Every structure is written in structure tokens, then in C-alpha cells.
Amino acid sequence: MSKNADKGETMKTIKRVGVLGSGVVGQTLAKGLKAHGYEVRIGSRSPAKLAAFVTETTIPSGTFSAVAAWGEALVLSVLGKAAAEALMEALPQNLAGKPILDTTNPIGDESPEDGVIKCFTGPNRSLMEELQATFPQAHLVKAFNSVGSSLMVNPKFKEKPTMFYCGNNAGAKAFAARIIEQFGWEGADMGTAVAARAIEPLAQLWCIPGFRENQWTHAFRLLRL
């Protein structure tokens, strides 16, 4: 068995997934993971505010550091501008060697211009690259950043939509690919973390019909001959 294949097999054994972020994206993905048989915990800077969510879903809550220490894999679902701080609060030692599905986007505070949201990154550097450089012990995979939360888990399109993803670690990408498939998407591996420079702006493109036409029920599909 090849080294990459062995990593893929290891990632298939992951059952405990910690979600870092208590907003609608984090809650949606936490419920989706539980529905697909994973043990899930959700982290927040203020776990007490998740009391109603915990009662509804029976998904335990905790601090970022406690959830990161418990999880075999993690999901990062905070605001892009708070992503580095959230991972620091999770504690670097709790991230080491773990796949982290990075759903964040570098969305700025300014209002959209003709439907185009503004980002705080440039065209030749992505937020995920910055996070990966800051936390080299973690295995980040960009995914689930280019569609709204209501469509992330098993959406009911006529055709299977495409989820673009990228990252530097083969095993972590194998784990991401499994989640993507379980959540009803066709995964499209775009390569290393450098590809996040192209994947993150898909959020800008996805949002344009929403801001211009109040249309939020679409997704991307990659067609091949």
C-alpha cells in the first residue's frame, strides 16, 4: 500500500469531529456530521449561548480548546477575520496532525459593490494559505466555502453539485472528500493550498445573485466532456 493510500485509510477511521464556530454554518455542519454517524462536539468562545442548540440536537458544546483537543478532525466555521484567533484559542498543540475543514472566507467589513463582496486578501494570497503558514502543524483543507449554509448538507438539486477543495496533506484531503461525498456533493480536488486563491473568490461569485436578485438557492457544477 502506498503512503498516500495508507493516510487515506487512516482518515477513514475518524469518527470524532469537533466544530469550531457556533454560527449558522457551524451548527449546520455539526448537525450534518451527526446525521451521518459522526460523534460531534461544537466549540464557542461562549459555550453557554449554545444551550438551546445542545438541547435540540444533543450535540455537546465546549470551548474551542476543549473541542479541538477532543476531536480527531475539526471544522473551522468562524468569520474569516476571526479565523486565526479561533485556531490560536483552540491551542496549536490540539491541531497537530489533524485534518481541518476550513470553510472560512476573507470577507471584509465593507458593503458589497453591485453584489460583489469585498475581501481583505489580494489575488495572489488566500486566507487559508495564511492560516496554514501560521499553523503548520495542522492539515487545512478548504471546502464548503462557496455555497450557503442551507445547501451544505445533502441539497436537493436535479444534478449533483460540485464542491471544490484543496490542501497540502493527502490524508486530510481524503477525509474531506469523504465528507463531501456523504453530504451529497461531487468533490473536485484542485490541488495544494495555493488553489485556495481561486476557491475562496468563488464565494464572491456565489453571492452576486443573492445580493442582486435575492436568489440564494444555487450551486456550482463542474462539467467535463
Protein backbone atom coordinates (compact mmCIF):
# COMPACT_ATOMS: atom_id res chain seq x y z
CA MET A 1 0.00 0.00 0.00
CA SER A 2 1.34 3.47 -0.89
CA LYS A 3 2.00 6.10 1.75
CA ASN A 4 -0.86 8.27 0.46
CA ALA A 5 -3.23 5.32 0.37
CA ASP A 6 -2.27 4.48 3.95
CA LYS A 7 -3.08 8.06 5.00
CA GLY A 8 -6.44 7.77 3.29
CA GLU A 9 -7.21 4.56 5.15
CA THR A 10 -6.24 6.21 8.44
CA MET A 11 -8.58 9.12 7.78
CA LYS A 12 -11.46 6.72 7.16
CA THR A 13 -11.27 5.68 10.82
CA ILE A 14 -12.02 9.22 12.06
CA LYS A 15 -15.27 9.36 13.99
CA ARG A 16 -14.90 12.33 16.39
CA VAL A 17 -15.26 15.71 14.67
CA GLY A 18 -15.10 19.00 16.53
CA VAL A 19 -16.70 22.09 15.01
CA LEU A 20 -15.05 25.40 15.87
CA GLY A 21 -17.72 28.05 15.44
CA SER A 22 -21.25 28.36 16.74
CA GLY A 23 -22.89 30.38 13.95
CA VAL A 24 -25.34 29.04 11.40
CA VAL A 25 -22.60 27.38 9.31
CA GLY A 26 -21.08 25.62 12.30
CA GLN A 27 -24.46 24.47 13.57
CA THR A 28 -25.50 23.24 10.11
CA LEU A 29 -22.32 21.23 9.60
CA ALA A 30 -22.44 19.87 13.15
CA LYS A 31 -25.97 18.55 12.59
CA GLY A 32 -24.97 17.16 9.20
CA LEU A 33 -22.00 15.32 10.64
CA LYS A 34 -24.12 13.84 13.40
CA ALA A 35 -26.75 12.73 10.88
CA HIS A 36 -24.03 10.85 9.01
CA GLY A 37 -22.90 8.95 12.06
CA TYR A 38 -20.05 11.03 13.45
CA GLU A 39 -19.57 11.90 17.09
CA VAL A 40 -19.71 15.68 17.15
CA ARG A 41 -18.98 18.50 19.57
CA ILE A 42 -19.29 22.20 18.84
CA GLY A 43 -17.00 24.89 20.17
CA SER A 44 -17.65 28.50 21.03
CA ARG A 45 -15.96 31.31 22.93
CA SER A 46 -19.17 31.33 24.99
CA PRO A 47 -20.44 27.71 25.11
CA ALA A 48 -23.38 28.67 27.35
CA LYS A 49 -25.05 30.53 24.47
CA LEU A 50 -25.47 27.18 22.69
CA ALA A 51 -27.79 25.80 25.39
CA ALA A 52 -30.83 25.70 23.11
CA PHE A 53 -28.84 24.09 20.28
CA VAL A 54 -27.46 21.46 22.67
CA THR A 55 -30.94 20.68 23.97
CA GLU A 56 -32.34 20.40 20.43
CA THR A 57 -29.54 18.29 18.94
CA THR A 58 -27.86 16.61 21.96
CA ILE A 59 -24.55 17.76 20.45
CA PRO A 60 -22.31 18.78 23.37
CA SER A 61 -20.70 22.20 23.39
CA GLY A 62 -17.40 23.39 24.83
CA THR A 63 -14.60 25.88 24.49
CA PHE A 64 -12.50 25.97 21.34
CA SER A 65 -9.58 24.33 23.14
CA ALA A 66 -11.68 21.57 24.72
CA VAL A 67 -13.41 20.70 21.44
CA ALA A 68 -10.14 20.81 19.49
CA ALA A 69 -8.44 18.54 21.99
CA TRP A 70 -11.30 16.02 21.79
CA GLY A 71 -11.74 15.93 18.01
CA GLU A 72 -9.82 13.65 15.69
CA ALA A 73 -10.71 16.11 12.92
CA LEU A 74 -12.01 19.67 13.05
CA VAL A 75 -14.20 22.06 11.10
CA LEU A 76 -13.33 25.77 11.16
CA SER A 77 -16.50 27.81 10.65
CA VAL A 78 -15.93 31.26 12.13
CA LEU A 79 -15.76 34.63 10.39
CA GLY A 80 -12.67 34.86 8.22
CA LYS A 81 -11.30 37.81 10.15
CA ALA A 82 -11.53 35.76 13.37
CA ALA A 83 -10.11 32.51 11.96
CA ALA A 84 -6.52 32.86 13.18
CA GLU A 85 -7.67 33.91 16.63
CA ALA A 86 -10.04 30.95 16.86
CA LEU A 87 -7.28 28.48 15.95
CA MET A 88 -4.96 30.12 18.49
CA GLU A 89 -7.65 29.76 21.16
CA ALA A 90 -8.02 26.11 20.15
CA LEU A 91 -4.31 25.80 21.01
CA PRO A 92 -1.74 24.78 18.37
CA GLN A 93 -0.91 21.52 20.12
CA ASN A 94 -4.55 20.46 19.74
CA LEU A 95 -4.37 20.99 15.97
CA ALA A 96 -1.24 18.96 15.30
CA GLY A 97 -1.70 16.31 12.62
CA LYS A 98 -5.45 16.80 12.37
CA PRO A 99 -7.46 17.50 9.21
CA ILE A 100 -9.29 20.81 9.49
CA LEU A 101 -12.07 21.60 7.04
CA ASP A 102 -11.65 25.33 6.52
CA THR A 103 -14.98 26.86 5.49
CA THR A 104 -13.89 30.45 6.06
CA ASN A 105 -13.78 33.30 3.57
CA PRO A 106 -11.77 36.54 3.78
CA ILE A 107 -14.84 38.76 3.69
CA GLY A 108 -14.23 42.37 4.67
CA ASP A 109 -16.48 44.71 6.62
CA GLU A 110 -17.38 46.91 3.64
CA SER A 111 -20.72 46.65 1.88
CA PRO A 112 -20.90 44.72 -1.43
CA GLU A 113 -20.41 46.74 -4.60
CA ASP A 114 -23.02 45.80 -7.24
CA GLY A 115 -23.37 42.48 -5.45
CA VAL A 116 -19.64 41.78 -5.18
CA ILE A 117 -18.43 41.34 -1.61
CA LYS A 118 -15.04 42.80 -0.75
CA CYS A 119 -12.19 40.71 0.63
CA PHE A 120 -9.23 41.60 2.80
CA THR A 121 -6.84 39.35 0.84
CA GLY A 122 -5.19 40.00 -2.51
CA PRO A 123 -5.40 37.89 -5.67
CA ASN A 124 -2.10 36.11 -5.03
CA ARG A 125 -2.62 35.06 -1.42
CA SER A 126 -5.52 33.32 0.27
CA LEU A 127 -6.74 33.28 3.84
CA MET A 128 -6.15 29.53 4.02
CA GLU A 129 -2.52 29.95 2.97
CA GLU A 130 -2.08 32.47 5.76
CA LEU A 131 -3.67 30.11 8.28
CA GLN A 132 -1.60 27.14 7.05
CA ALA A 133 1.60 29.18 7.38
CA THR A 134 0.65 30.29 10.88
CA PHE A 135 -0.36 26.78 11.99
CA PRO A 136 1.97 24.45 10.03
CA GLN A 137 1.21 21.52 12.33
CA ALA A 138 -2.43 21.49 11.16
CA HIS A 139 -3.70 19.98 7.89
CA LEU A 140 -6.14 22.52 6.48
CA VAL A 141 -8.47 21.71 3.59
CA LYS A 142 -10.55 24.48 2.04
CA ALA A 143 -14.13 23.30 1.47
CA PHE A 144 -17.78 24.32 1.94
CA ASN A 145 -16.93 28.00 1.46
CA SER A 146 -18.70 28.53 -1.87
CA VAL A 147 -22.34 27.84 -1.03
CA GLY A 148 -24.87 28.98 1.56
CA SER A 149 -25.39 27.08 4.78
CA SER A 150 -28.89 25.92 3.80
CA LEU A 151 -27.42 23.94 0.87
CA MET A 152 -24.31 22.49 2.50
CA VAL A 153 -25.74 19.16 3.64
CA ASN A 154 -27.44 16.91 1.06
CA PRO A 155 -29.04 19.62 -1.12
CA LYS A 156 -31.88 18.58 -3.44
CA PHE A 157 -30.63 19.67 -6.85
CA LYS A 158 -31.55 17.82 -10.05
CA GLU A 159 -27.85 17.12 -10.60
CA LYS A 160 -25.09 16.60 -8.07
CA PRO A 161 -23.32 19.93 -7.44
CA THR A 162 -19.55 20.31 -7.27
CA MET A 163 -17.59 21.14 -4.13
CA PHE A 164 -14.13 22.45 -4.92
CA TYR A 165 -11.48 21.73 -2.31
CA CYS A 166 -7.72 21.95 -1.82
CA GLY A 167 -5.00 21.37 0.74
CA ASN A 168 -1.42 20.23 1.17
CA ASN A 169 -1.98 16.94 3.00
CA ALA A 170 -3.23 13.90 1.08
CA GLY A 171 -4.76 12.20 4.10
CA ALA A 172 -6.65 15.30 5.18
CA LYS A 173 -7.98 15.74 1.65
CA ALA A 174 -9.13 12.10 1.66
CA PHE A 175 -11.12 12.84 4.81
CA ALA A 176 -12.59 15.99 3.25
CA ALA A 177 -13.51 14.08 0.11
CA ARG A 178 -15.42 11.54 2.19
CA ILE A 179 -17.41 14.26 3.97
CA ILE A 180 -18.10 16.00 0.66
CA GLU A 181 -19.44 12.76 -0.82
CA GLN A 182 -21.52 11.94 2.25
CA PHE A 183 -23.04 15.41 2.14
CA GLY A 184 -24.25 14.81 -1.42
CA TRP A 185 -21.61 16.66 -3.42
CA GLU A 186 -19.17 15.71 -6.14
CA GLY A 187 -15.71 16.65 -4.93
CA ALA A 188 -13.22 18.39 -7.22
CA ASP A 189 -9.66 18.32 -5.89
CA MET A 190 -7.91 21.48 -7.06
CA GLY A 191 -4.50 20.65 -5.60
CA THR A 192 -2.47 22.30 -2.86
CA ALA A 193 -3.29 25.23 -0.61
CA VAL A 194 -2.27 27.60 -3.41
CA ALA A 195 -5.60 26.76 -5.10
CA ALA A 196 -7.43 28.48 -2.25
CA ARG A 197 -6.55 31.70 -4.09
CA ALA A 198 -9.11 30.60 -6.69
CA ILE A 199 -11.57 28.73 -4.44
CA GLU A 200 -12.11 31.49 -1.90
CA PRO A 201 -13.29 34.01 -4.56
CA LEU A 202 -16.00 31.53 -5.56
CA ALA A 203 -17.84 32.85 -2.51
CA GLN A 204 -17.89 36.27 -4.16
CA LEU A 205 -19.30 34.80 -7.35
CA TRP A 206 -21.88 32.72 -5.48
CA CYS A 207 -23.14 35.75 -3.57
CA ILE A 208 -23.75 38.02 -6.57
CA PRO A 209 -27.21 36.60 -7.49
CA GLY A 210 -28.10 36.78 -3.82
CA PHE A 211 -27.31 40.42 -3.34
CA ARG A 212 -28.56 41.49 -6.78
CA GLU A 213 -31.66 39.31 -7.13
CA ASN A 214 -32.22 37.79 -3.66
CA GLN A 215 -31.52 34.38 -5.21
CA TRP A 216 -29.62 32.12 -2.81
CA THR A 217 -30.57 28.60 -3.97
CA HIS A 218 -27.84 27.85 -6.50
CA ALA A 219 -24.56 25.96 -6.55
CA PHE A 220 -21.64 25.35 -8.90
CA ARG A 221 -21.20 22.30 -11.11
CA LEU A 222 -18.04 21.35 -12.98
CA LEU A 223 -18.84 19.81 -16.38
CA ARG A 224 -16.45 17.54 -18.23
CA LEU A 225 -16.51 16.12 -21.77
